[in-house]
Structures are given as structure tokens and as C-alpha cells.
Amino acid sequence: MTIRKRGDNWLVTVEIGKDPATGRRRRNYVTVSSKREAEAEEAKLRHEAAMGLDLEPTRLTLAEYLVQWLDAVRGNVAPSTYVRYEGMMRRQVIPYIGGIALSKLRPLHIQQLYARLRKGGRADGEPLSPRSLLHVHRVLSEALKQATLWQLAPRNVCDAVEAPKARRTDIKTIGPGEVRELIEAALAEDSPYGDCAVLALHTGLRLGELLGLRWEDVDLERGHVRVRRSLQHLPGQEREFREPKTARGRRTIPLGATAISVLERLRRRQIEERLASGPGYKNEALVLATSVGTPLNGGNVRRAFYRITSRLGLAPLRFHDLRHTHATLLLARGVHPKVVSERLGHASIGLTLDTYSHVLPNLQEEAIRDFDAWISAT
């Protein structure tokens, strides 16, 4: 970058790399009226270059910009979230409208993209589901919002497009009788995989939160665990412990007698395994670990869970449905939604009410019956 006086003005010259077609150097020019303005403009452009934003906005394509954006957000989101973002942009956006210049992107382009994805946006050529299309819209809108903050685009064109509507998917849960069967079968496994399922049912923790628990987070005397981190593990990548995304995610969960008993058994088993393994034991102080002390693999936990449910003849369930079952049973027992929301670590009670709205009509019917009975007796 250079600054030089030209007549009554000052010219800032910026190198923006080589033209991929001709190999020639590309430059951008900014003219201002004073040396002070020129120095300020140069400092700003140097900062943008250091952030990887030294591409000329008028020639920057959407595909080029999305690569820059994904690189910028990579360190600020969970590895699994980054993989989802990158996959959506690479498969559902860039092949269709990636070649359009960012400065020439219009709402009609976005609307046409969604129409094409509705017809055949999946890798196998099948239509993209409404929920997946909504996720594409949200991520693309977030990316274009950042483009406006970086002054690479005058506006977020997604704001002028009606967001795709996703049909609500019914969450799957099991009733008290099936829960008791599942707990009995999981405990009979006498393994950390079965114990993980039991703890999920009794705490409502996510799988990553369970796998991230360390013994320092457990207080058996007071009967609670503290959620401080989550274990993220993706194929071909190193495992990573991450802190909760929100303040509500860091929480303390009171435990019942069954959960305390499971944790006590886990501790005794780990002591025996550590003695048996000797120096080969990798002591990371994890509550749920393999026989040599290393973290459990989430995929192995899910497969073990599927084997148990298949053996019991239960309807197909995801491991995450244990969390839904925990919340649903609490609400059905009359536990206040605020308490359930805090146990789950939801960002707001509104999210809890929206997710488990299927339980609330029954609770309202029971409440009004109790109210009528009370009024009649007075």
C-alpha cells in the first residue's frame, strides 16, 4: 500500500493480488482530500487485509466471500457447527449462485436458489427438506449480514426474502414403563455405555455434556453435577473440549438417588481399571471413560444404545431422545417449565415451552380440573 499526493488530493493505492485469469497484478485506488484521511484509510485497509478481507468488493464473488467468512467464523463455533455450515454452503449455495458477484447479488437470486433446492437440493438429487432449507437460509443470512458489517455488501439481501417455513417435527419420547425397562437393561450392561444412557435419562444432559464431565464436576455428597464443558469429536479430527455457548449452558444439575448410585459405581469401576492397567492408564479424570481412561467415542455410545433399544423392541430412538424424555416426564409430573428449562440449559424458557408444547395442553386440562374442584369445595 502506498500514499502519494496527486494534485489537490491524496491517492491510496492497494495491492489486491493477481487476476486469476491473466496473472496480472490487481490494484484498487482510494482518493481522499487530506493526508490525514489518507493515513486513516491506509490503516483501515491494512487491518482488512490482515483479516483476509483485501479482495475488491466489486469483483468479489459470493463463493469467494463465503470461503473468507467460513474461515473467519471457524474459531468461534463448535467443530460440529462449522462442519454443518461449510457443508451447507459448499453443497447447497455455491454450486448454484456462487459465481455471482457479491455486489450484484439480489433477493431474486436467493428466491430462485430456494426454488431449486426444493426440487432437488440433496446430494442424491432428492428435494431438500423444509427444515434443511430453513437452516440454509439462516446460515446464508448470517454470512451476508457479516458482509454488510465488513462493508463488502450494501445490504443483506436475505432480509428481503421470505424465510422458508419448516414443518415442526414430532419429538420422540418413551413412557415411564419403557423408561424403567431401559434403565434396567442399561444397568445390566455394567459398562460406561449403559451408564451413559441412564445418566442421560436422569439428568437431561446432552451426549457431549455427559462425555465432557470430569470428577471435579461431581459432588456426590451434595448430590449434583456441574456442566462446564462439552466433548466435541468429529471423524478425522482431534477431539475438543468446549465451554457452553451461553451462560445458561453452565449450570448445576441436582441428582436423584439412581444417578448418584450410577456415579458411585462408575467411580469404583474406574479405580479397578486404573489398578489393572497400571502405567498404561490415561487418567483424564473423566466420569465416562474407556477401560484405559480415554474419552468415550460418541458414535460408540449411540451404537451401544441402539443395541439395547433393539433388544427391548422399543420404537427407533436417538440418544438425544433421552433428553426429550427427561424433560417431557418432568413436565407431565407438574414440574414448572422454568425448572425444566434450567436443567436443560436452554437459552430461554420460551425455547422450552416451544419445544415441549405438546405436553402443555394436557397440563392445562389437569390444572383447570383441579381449579374447578378447589372452587367447588370452597
Protein backbone atom coordinates (compact mmCIF):
# COMPACT_ATOMS: atom_id res chain seq x y z
CA MET A 1 0.00 0.00 0.00
CA THR A 2 1.25 3.48 -0.85
CA ILE A 3 0.14 7.06 -0.23
CA ARG A 4 1.04 9.87 -2.60
CA LYS A 5 -0.21 13.35 -3.38
CA ARG A 6 -2.00 13.87 -6.68
CA GLY A 7 -2.92 17.47 -7.37
CA ASP A 8 -5.08 18.75 -4.51
CA ASN A 9 -5.92 15.21 -3.33
CA TRP A 10 -4.18 12.20 -1.85
CA LEU A 11 -4.16 8.76 -3.51
CA VAL A 12 -4.03 5.49 -1.59
CA THR A 13 -3.01 2.51 -3.76
CA VAL A 14 -3.85 -1.01 -2.54
CA GLU A 15 -2.46 -4.27 -3.96
CA ILE A 16 -5.29 -6.83 -4.09
CA GLY A 17 -3.44 -9.81 -5.54
CA LYS A 18 -3.26 -11.22 -9.05
CA ASP A 19 -6.04 -11.67 -11.54
CA PRO A 20 -6.61 -15.45 -11.71
CA ALA A 21 -7.32 -15.24 -15.46
CA THR A 22 -4.36 -13.11 -16.64
CA GLY A 23 -1.88 -13.35 -13.77
CA ARG A 24 -1.54 -9.56 -13.71
CA ARG A 25 -1.39 -7.57 -10.50
CA ARG A 26 -4.67 -6.04 -9.39
CA ARG A 27 -4.82 -2.69 -7.62
CA ASN A 28 -7.53 -0.66 -6.01
CA TYR A 29 -7.38 3.13 -5.61
CA VAL A 30 -8.92 5.38 -2.98
CA THR A 31 -8.78 9.17 -3.33
CA VAL A 32 -9.24 11.46 -0.33
CA SER A 33 -8.82 15.18 0.25
CA SER A 34 -6.17 15.25 3.02
CA LYS A 35 -3.08 13.38 4.13
CA ARG A 36 -4.71 12.60 7.50
CA GLU A 37 -7.66 10.94 5.72
CA ALA A 38 -5.24 9.03 3.50
CA GLU A 39 -3.33 7.69 6.51
CA ALA A 40 -6.58 6.67 8.20
CA GLU A 41 -7.76 4.92 5.02
CA GLU A 42 -4.47 3.11 4.68
CA ALA A 43 -4.64 1.88 8.30
CA LYS A 44 -8.19 0.64 7.72
CA LEU A 45 -7.21 -1.19 4.54
CA ARG A 46 -4.19 -2.78 6.22
CA HIS A 47 -6.46 -4.07 9.00
CA GLU A 48 -8.90 -5.53 6.46
CA ALA A 49 -6.02 -7.18 4.60
CA ALA A 50 -4.77 -8.73 7.85
CA MET A 51 -8.28 -10.10 8.43
CA GLY A 52 -8.30 -11.65 4.97
CA LEU A 53 -10.70 -9.09 3.53
CA ASP A 54 -8.39 -7.49 0.97
CA LEU A 55 -10.48 -8.57 -2.01
CA GLU A 56 -12.08 -5.89 -4.14
CA PRO A 57 -15.78 -5.82 -3.22
CA THR A 58 -16.94 -5.03 -6.75
CA ARG A 59 -15.23 -8.17 -8.12
CA LEU A 60 -15.63 -10.49 -5.14
CA THR A 61 -17.93 -13.41 -5.90
CA LEU A 62 -20.28 -14.93 -3.36
CA ALA A 63 -18.25 -18.14 -3.39
CA GLU A 64 -15.01 -16.27 -2.65
CA TYR A 65 -16.68 -14.34 0.12
CA LEU A 66 -18.19 -17.45 1.75
CA VAL A 67 -14.73 -19.05 1.90
CA GLN A 68 -13.47 -15.94 3.71
CA TRP A 69 -16.47 -15.91 6.06
CA LEU A 70 -16.18 -19.60 6.94
CA ASP A 71 -12.51 -19.14 7.71
CA ALA A 72 -13.34 -16.17 9.98
CA VAL A 73 -16.06 -17.98 11.97
CA ARG A 74 -14.19 -21.28 12.32
CA GLY A 75 -12.63 -20.40 15.66
CA ASN A 76 -15.87 -19.03 17.12
CA VAL A 77 -18.18 -22.01 16.70
CA ALA A 78 -18.12 -25.66 17.73
CA PRO A 79 -16.37 -28.01 15.25
CA SER A 80 -19.66 -29.77 14.51
CA THR A 81 -21.32 -26.40 13.80
CA TYR A 82 -18.51 -25.40 11.41
CA VAL A 83 -18.84 -28.70 9.54
CA ARG A 84 -22.59 -28.08 9.10
CA TYR A 85 -22.02 -24.50 7.92
CA GLU A 86 -19.29 -25.49 5.47
CA GLY A 87 -21.31 -28.41 4.10
CA MET A 88 -24.42 -26.30 3.52
CA MET A 89 -22.53 -23.53 1.73
CA ARG A 90 -20.49 -25.97 -0.37
CA ARG A 91 -23.39 -28.21 -1.39
CA GLN A 92 -26.49 -26.01 -1.40
CA VAL A 93 -25.31 -22.47 -2.17
CA ILE A 94 -22.00 -22.23 -4.03
CA PRO A 95 -22.88 -24.62 -6.92
CA TYR A 96 -25.96 -22.56 -7.78
CA ILE A 97 -25.19 -18.89 -7.09
CA GLY A 98 -21.54 -18.88 -6.00
CA GLY A 99 -20.36 -17.28 -9.25
CA ILE A 100 -22.47 -14.14 -8.79
CA ALA A 101 -20.56 -11.03 -7.70
CA LEU A 102 -21.36 -10.18 -4.09
CA SER A 103 -22.17 -6.61 -5.10
CA LYS A 104 -24.69 -7.84 -7.72
CA LEU A 105 -26.46 -10.38 -5.54
CA ARG A 106 -30.21 -9.69 -5.43
CA PRO A 107 -33.17 -11.11 -3.46
CA LEU A 108 -34.41 -12.79 -6.65
CA HIS A 109 -31.22 -14.87 -6.79
CA ILE A 110 -31.90 -16.15 -3.27
CA GLN A 111 -35.54 -16.87 -4.07
CA GLN A 112 -34.54 -18.80 -7.20
CA LEU A 113 -31.95 -20.73 -5.16
CA TYR A 114 -34.60 -21.86 -2.69
CA ALA A 115 -36.90 -22.92 -5.52
CA ARG A 116 -34.15 -25.11 -6.99
CA LEU A 117 -33.29 -26.64 -3.62
CA ARG A 118 -36.95 -27.51 -3.06
CA LYS A 119 -36.87 -29.51 -6.30
CA GLY A 120 -33.54 -31.27 -5.85
CA GLY A 121 -31.12 -29.82 -3.32
CA ARG A 122 -29.86 -33.03 -1.72
CA ALA A 123 -26.69 -34.84 -2.81
CA ASP A 124 -28.83 -37.68 -4.24
CA GLY A 125 -30.96 -35.27 -6.27
CA GLU A 126 -33.97 -35.51 -3.97
CA PRO A 127 -35.76 -32.36 -2.70
CA LEU A 128 -34.24 -30.62 0.29
CA SER A 129 -36.47 -30.86 3.35
CA PRO A 130 -38.20 -27.68 4.58
CA ARG A 131 -36.21 -27.78 7.82
CA SER A 132 -32.88 -28.15 5.99
CA LEU A 133 -33.85 -25.31 3.65
CA LEU A 134 -34.58 -23.10 6.66
CA HIS A 135 -31.12 -23.92 8.04
CA VAL A 136 -29.55 -22.89 4.70
CA HIS A 137 -31.46 -19.60 4.85
CA ARG A 138 -30.33 -18.86 8.40
CA VAL A 139 -26.66 -19.58 7.75
CA LEU A 140 -26.58 -17.70 4.44
CA SER A 141 -28.35 -14.74 6.07
CA GLU A 142 -25.78 -14.73 8.89
CA ALA A 143 -22.94 -14.75 6.36
CA LEU A 144 -24.42 -11.87 4.34
CA LYS A 145 -25.13 -9.89 7.50
CA GLN A 146 -21.41 -10.07 8.28
CA ALA A 147 -20.63 -8.92 4.73
CA THR A 148 -22.51 -5.68 5.43
CA LEU A 149 -20.58 -5.18 8.68
CA TRP A 150 -17.33 -5.68 6.78
CA GLN A 151 -18.60 -3.14 4.19
CA LEU A 152 -18.34 -5.69 1.39
CA ALA A 153 -22.06 -5.52 0.56
CA PRO A 154 -24.51 -2.62 0.87
CA ARG A 155 -27.27 -4.74 2.42
CA ASN A 156 -28.25 -8.27 3.43
CA VAL A 157 -30.43 -9.44 0.53
CA CYS A 158 -31.79 -12.32 2.65
CA ASP A 159 -33.73 -9.72 4.64
CA ALA A 160 -35.89 -9.13 1.57
CA VAL A 161 -36.64 -12.84 1.11
CA GLU A 162 -39.36 -14.69 2.97
CA ALA A 163 -37.74 -17.30 5.19
CA PRO A 164 -38.66 -20.89 4.25
CA LYS A 165 -41.23 -22.41 6.60
CA ALA A 166 -40.26 -25.66 8.27
CA ARG A 167 -42.84 -28.13 9.47
CA ARG A 168 -42.50 -28.98 13.13
CA THR A 169 -41.12 -32.46 13.63
CA ASP A 170 -42.61 -34.52 16.42
CA ILE A 171 -40.06 -35.36 19.09
CA LYS A 172 -39.91 -38.97 20.19
CA THR A 173 -40.13 -39.96 23.83
CA ILE A 174 -40.91 -43.09 25.84
CA GLY A 175 -43.26 -43.51 28.76
CA PRO A 176 -42.47 -44.35 32.41
CA GLY A 177 -42.85 -48.10 31.91
CA GLU A 178 -40.43 -48.18 28.97
CA VAL A 179 -38.05 -45.90 30.85
CA ARG A 180 -37.89 -48.40 33.70
CA GLU A 181 -37.22 -51.25 31.24
CA LEU A 182 -34.50 -49.26 29.51
CA ILE A 183 -32.79 -48.32 32.78
CA GLU A 184 -32.83 -51.93 33.96
CA ALA A 185 -31.34 -53.17 30.67
CA ALA A 186 -28.73 -50.41 30.57
CA LEU A 187 -27.59 -51.07 34.13
CA ALA A 188 -27.33 -54.80 33.34
CA GLU A 189 -24.73 -53.91 30.68
CA ASP A 190 -22.36 -52.98 33.53
CA SER A 191 -20.45 -50.68 31.19
CA PRO A 192 -19.94 -46.93 30.81
CA TYR A 193 -22.10 -47.07 27.67
CA GLY A 194 -25.14 -48.30 29.57
CA ASP A 195 -24.39 -45.95 32.46
CA CYS A 196 -24.27 -43.04 29.99
CA ALA A 197 -27.83 -43.78 28.86
CA VAL A 198 -29.08 -43.96 32.46
CA LEU A 199 -27.46 -40.65 33.33
CA ALA A 200 -28.98 -39.05 30.22
CA LEU A 201 -32.45 -40.16 31.32
CA HIS A 202 -31.93 -38.87 34.87
CA THR A 203 -30.24 -35.55 34.06
CA GLY A 204 -31.38 -34.47 30.59
CA LEU A 205 -27.77 -33.69 29.64
CA ARG A 206 -26.69 -33.77 26.02
CA LEU A 207 -24.33 -36.55 24.99
CA GLY A 208 -21.40 -34.14 24.56
CA GLU A 209 -22.04 -32.71 28.04
CA LEU A 210 -22.06 -36.18 29.58
CA LEU A 211 -18.82 -37.15 27.83
CA GLY A 212 -17.22 -33.88 28.98
CA LEU A 213 -17.95 -34.43 32.69
CA ARG A 214 -14.92 -34.74 34.97
CA TRP A 215 -14.92 -35.95 38.54
CA GLU A 216 -14.14 -32.43 39.72
CA ASP A 217 -17.62 -31.52 38.39
CA VAL A 218 -19.33 -34.16 40.56
CA ASP A 219 -20.37 -33.64 44.19
CA LEU A 220 -21.85 -36.91 45.42
CA GLU A 221 -22.30 -35.67 48.99
CA ARG A 222 -24.46 -32.74 47.93
CA GLY A 223 -25.93 -34.71 45.03
CA HIS A 224 -25.26 -32.58 41.97
CA VAL A 225 -23.08 -32.23 38.88
CA ARG A 226 -21.81 -29.02 37.27
CA VAL A 227 -21.89 -28.67 33.48
CA ARG A 228 -18.74 -26.82 32.46
CA ARG A 229 -17.74 -28.26 29.09
CA SER A 230 -18.79 -30.47 26.21
CA LEU A 231 -16.74 -33.01 24.30
CA GLN A 232 -16.80 -32.50 20.52
CA HIS A 233 -15.49 -35.27 18.30
CA LEU A 234 -15.77 -35.39 14.51
CA PRO A 235 -14.44 -38.08 12.12
CA GLY A 236 -10.90 -37.33 11.05
CA GLN A 237 -10.48 -34.53 13.59
CA GLU A 238 -9.00 -34.22 17.03
CA ARG A 239 -11.43 -34.30 19.93
CA GLU A 240 -12.01 -30.96 21.59
CA PHE A 241 -13.48 -29.84 24.90
CA ARG A 242 -15.53 -26.67 24.55
CA GLU A 243 -17.21 -24.45 27.11
CA PRO A 244 -21.00 -23.95 26.86
CA LYS A 245 -22.08 -21.37 24.29
CA THR A 246 -24.26 -19.44 26.77
CA ALA A 247 -24.22 -18.57 30.45
CA ARG A 248 -27.31 -20.76 30.93
CA GLY A 249 -25.34 -23.67 29.49
CA ARG A 250 -23.06 -23.53 32.54
CA ARG A 251 -25.35 -24.96 35.16
CA THR A 252 -25.65 -27.18 38.21
CA ILE A 253 -27.91 -30.24 37.97
CA PRO A 254 -29.33 -31.82 41.15
CA LEU A 255 -29.21 -35.62 41.09
CA GLY A 256 -31.61 -38.30 42.27
CA ALA A 257 -30.68 -41.49 44.11
CA THR A 258 -30.37 -43.60 40.95
CA ALA A 259 -27.98 -41.19 39.25
CA ILE A 260 -25.84 -40.96 42.40
CA SER A 261 -25.72 -44.76 42.59
CA VAL A 262 -24.61 -44.98 38.94
CA LEU A 263 -21.83 -42.43 39.52
CA GLU A 264 -20.62 -44.28 42.61
CA ARG A 265 -20.46 -47.50 40.60
CA LEU A 266 -18.58 -45.73 37.79
CA ARG A 267 -16.01 -44.45 40.27
CA ARG A 268 -15.44 -47.92 41.78
CA ARG A 269 -15.08 -49.47 38.32
CA GLN A 270 -12.58 -46.83 37.22
CA ILE A 271 -10.42 -47.41 40.31
CA GLU A 272 -10.31 -51.13 39.48
CA GLU A 273 -9.48 -50.46 35.82
CA ARG A 274 -6.74 -47.99 36.73
CA LEU A 275 -5.09 -50.55 39.03
CA ALA A 276 -5.38 -53.26 36.37
CA SER A 277 -3.92 -51.09 33.59
CA GLY A 278 -1.06 -49.65 35.60
CA PRO A 279 1.10 -47.09 33.74
CA GLY A 280 -0.94 -47.62 30.56
CA TYR A 281 -3.99 -45.94 32.05
CA LYS A 282 -4.64 -42.46 30.60
CA ASN A 283 -6.10 -40.69 33.60
CA GLU A 284 -8.01 -37.66 32.31
CA ALA A 285 -10.37 -37.76 35.32
CA LEU A 286 -13.38 -38.21 33.05
CA VAL A 287 -16.58 -39.57 34.56
CA LEU A 288 -17.33 -41.61 31.44
CA ALA A 289 -14.21 -43.22 30.01
CA THR A 290 -12.96 -46.39 28.37
CA SER A 291 -11.24 -49.14 30.36
CA VAL A 292 -7.89 -47.40 29.75
CA GLY A 293 -9.13 -43.93 30.76
CA THR A 294 -9.59 -42.35 27.32
CA PRO A 295 -12.81 -40.47 26.40
CA LEU A 296 -15.74 -42.47 25.10
CA ASN A 297 -16.50 -42.07 21.40
CA GLY A 298 -19.96 -40.61 20.82
CA GLY A 299 -20.60 -42.93 17.89
CA ASN A 300 -19.85 -45.99 20.03
CA VAL A 301 -22.21 -44.69 22.74
CA ARG A 302 -25.03 -44.33 20.20
CA ARG A 303 -24.42 -47.79 18.74
CA ALA A 304 -24.49 -49.37 22.20
CA PHE A 305 -27.72 -47.52 22.94
CA TYR A 306 -29.31 -48.75 19.69
CA ARG A 307 -28.40 -52.33 20.59
CA ILE A 308 -30.16 -52.01 23.95
CA THR A 309 -33.33 -50.45 22.50
CA SER A 310 -33.46 -53.02 19.68
CA ARG A 311 -33.14 -55.85 22.16
CA LEU A 312 -36.06 -54.39 24.14
CA GLY A 313 -38.15 -53.99 21.00
CA LEU A 314 -38.57 -50.24 21.52
CA ALA A 315 -39.51 -47.96 18.65
CA PRO A 316 -36.44 -46.39 16.96
CA LEU A 317 -34.96 -43.74 19.25
CA ARG A 318 -32.00 -41.41 19.03
CA PHE A 319 -29.77 -40.99 22.06
CA HIS A 320 -30.86 -37.34 22.11
CA ASP A 321 -34.45 -38.50 22.63
CA LEU A 322 -33.46 -39.46 26.18
CA ARG A 323 -33.08 -35.74 26.85
CA HIS A 324 -36.55 -35.13 25.40
CA THR A 325 -37.95 -37.96 27.53
CA HIS A 326 -36.42 -36.48 30.68
CA ALA A 327 -38.00 -33.08 30.01
CA THR A 328 -41.37 -34.48 28.98
CA LEU A 329 -41.70 -36.67 32.07
CA LEU A 330 -40.82 -33.77 34.35
CA LEU A 331 -43.42 -31.53 32.74
CA ALA A 332 -46.03 -34.30 32.87
CA ARG A 333 -45.37 -34.61 36.62
CA GLY A 334 -46.17 -30.92 37.05
CA VAL A 335 -42.61 -29.58 37.36
CA HIS A 336 -42.56 -25.88 36.48
CA PRO A 337 -41.25 -25.21 32.93
CA LYS A 338 -38.73 -22.73 34.37
CA VAL A 339 -37.11 -25.54 36.37
CA VAL A 340 -37.06 -27.82 33.32
CA SER A 341 -35.55 -25.02 31.22
CA GLU A 342 -32.75 -24.53 33.76
CA ARG A 343 -31.97 -28.26 33.88
CA LEU A 344 -31.75 -28.43 30.09
CA GLY A 345 -29.62 -25.29 29.85
CA HIS A 346 -31.96 -23.66 27.32
CA ALA A 347 -31.23 -20.05 26.41
CA SER A 348 -34.75 -19.07 27.45
CA ILE A 349 -37.91 -20.57 28.91
CA GLY A 350 -39.59 -19.70 25.59
CA LEU A 351 -37.44 -22.30 23.84
CA THR A 352 -38.52 -24.91 26.40
CA LEU A 353 -42.21 -24.05 26.03
CA ASP A 354 -41.95 -24.12 22.25
CA THR A 355 -40.09 -27.44 22.15
CA TYR A 356 -42.42 -29.23 24.55
CA SER A 357 -45.69 -27.53 23.67
CA HIS A 358 -47.20 -30.98 23.01
CA VAL A 359 -47.16 -31.66 26.77
CA LEU A 360 -48.70 -28.37 27.88
CA PRO A 361 -52.33 -28.80 26.69
CA ASN A 362 -52.71 -31.87 28.92
CA LEU A 363 -51.22 -29.95 31.83
CA GLN A 364 -53.69 -27.12 31.27
CA GLU A 365 -56.61 -29.57 31.29
CA GLU A 366 -55.42 -31.11 34.56
CA ALA A 367 -54.90 -27.65 36.06
CA ILE A 368 -58.41 -26.44 35.24
CA ARG A 369 -59.93 -29.63 36.66
CA ASP A 370 -58.00 -29.07 39.89
CA PHE A 371 -59.10 -25.42 39.88
CA ASP A 372 -62.77 -26.35 39.43
CA ALA A 373 -62.58 -28.94 42.17
CA TRP A 374 -61.00 -26.42 44.54
CA ILE A 375 -63.60 -23.72 43.75
CA SER A 376 -66.48 -26.17 44.18
CA ALA A 377 -65.16 -27.28 47.57
CA THR A 378 -64.93 -23.75 48.96
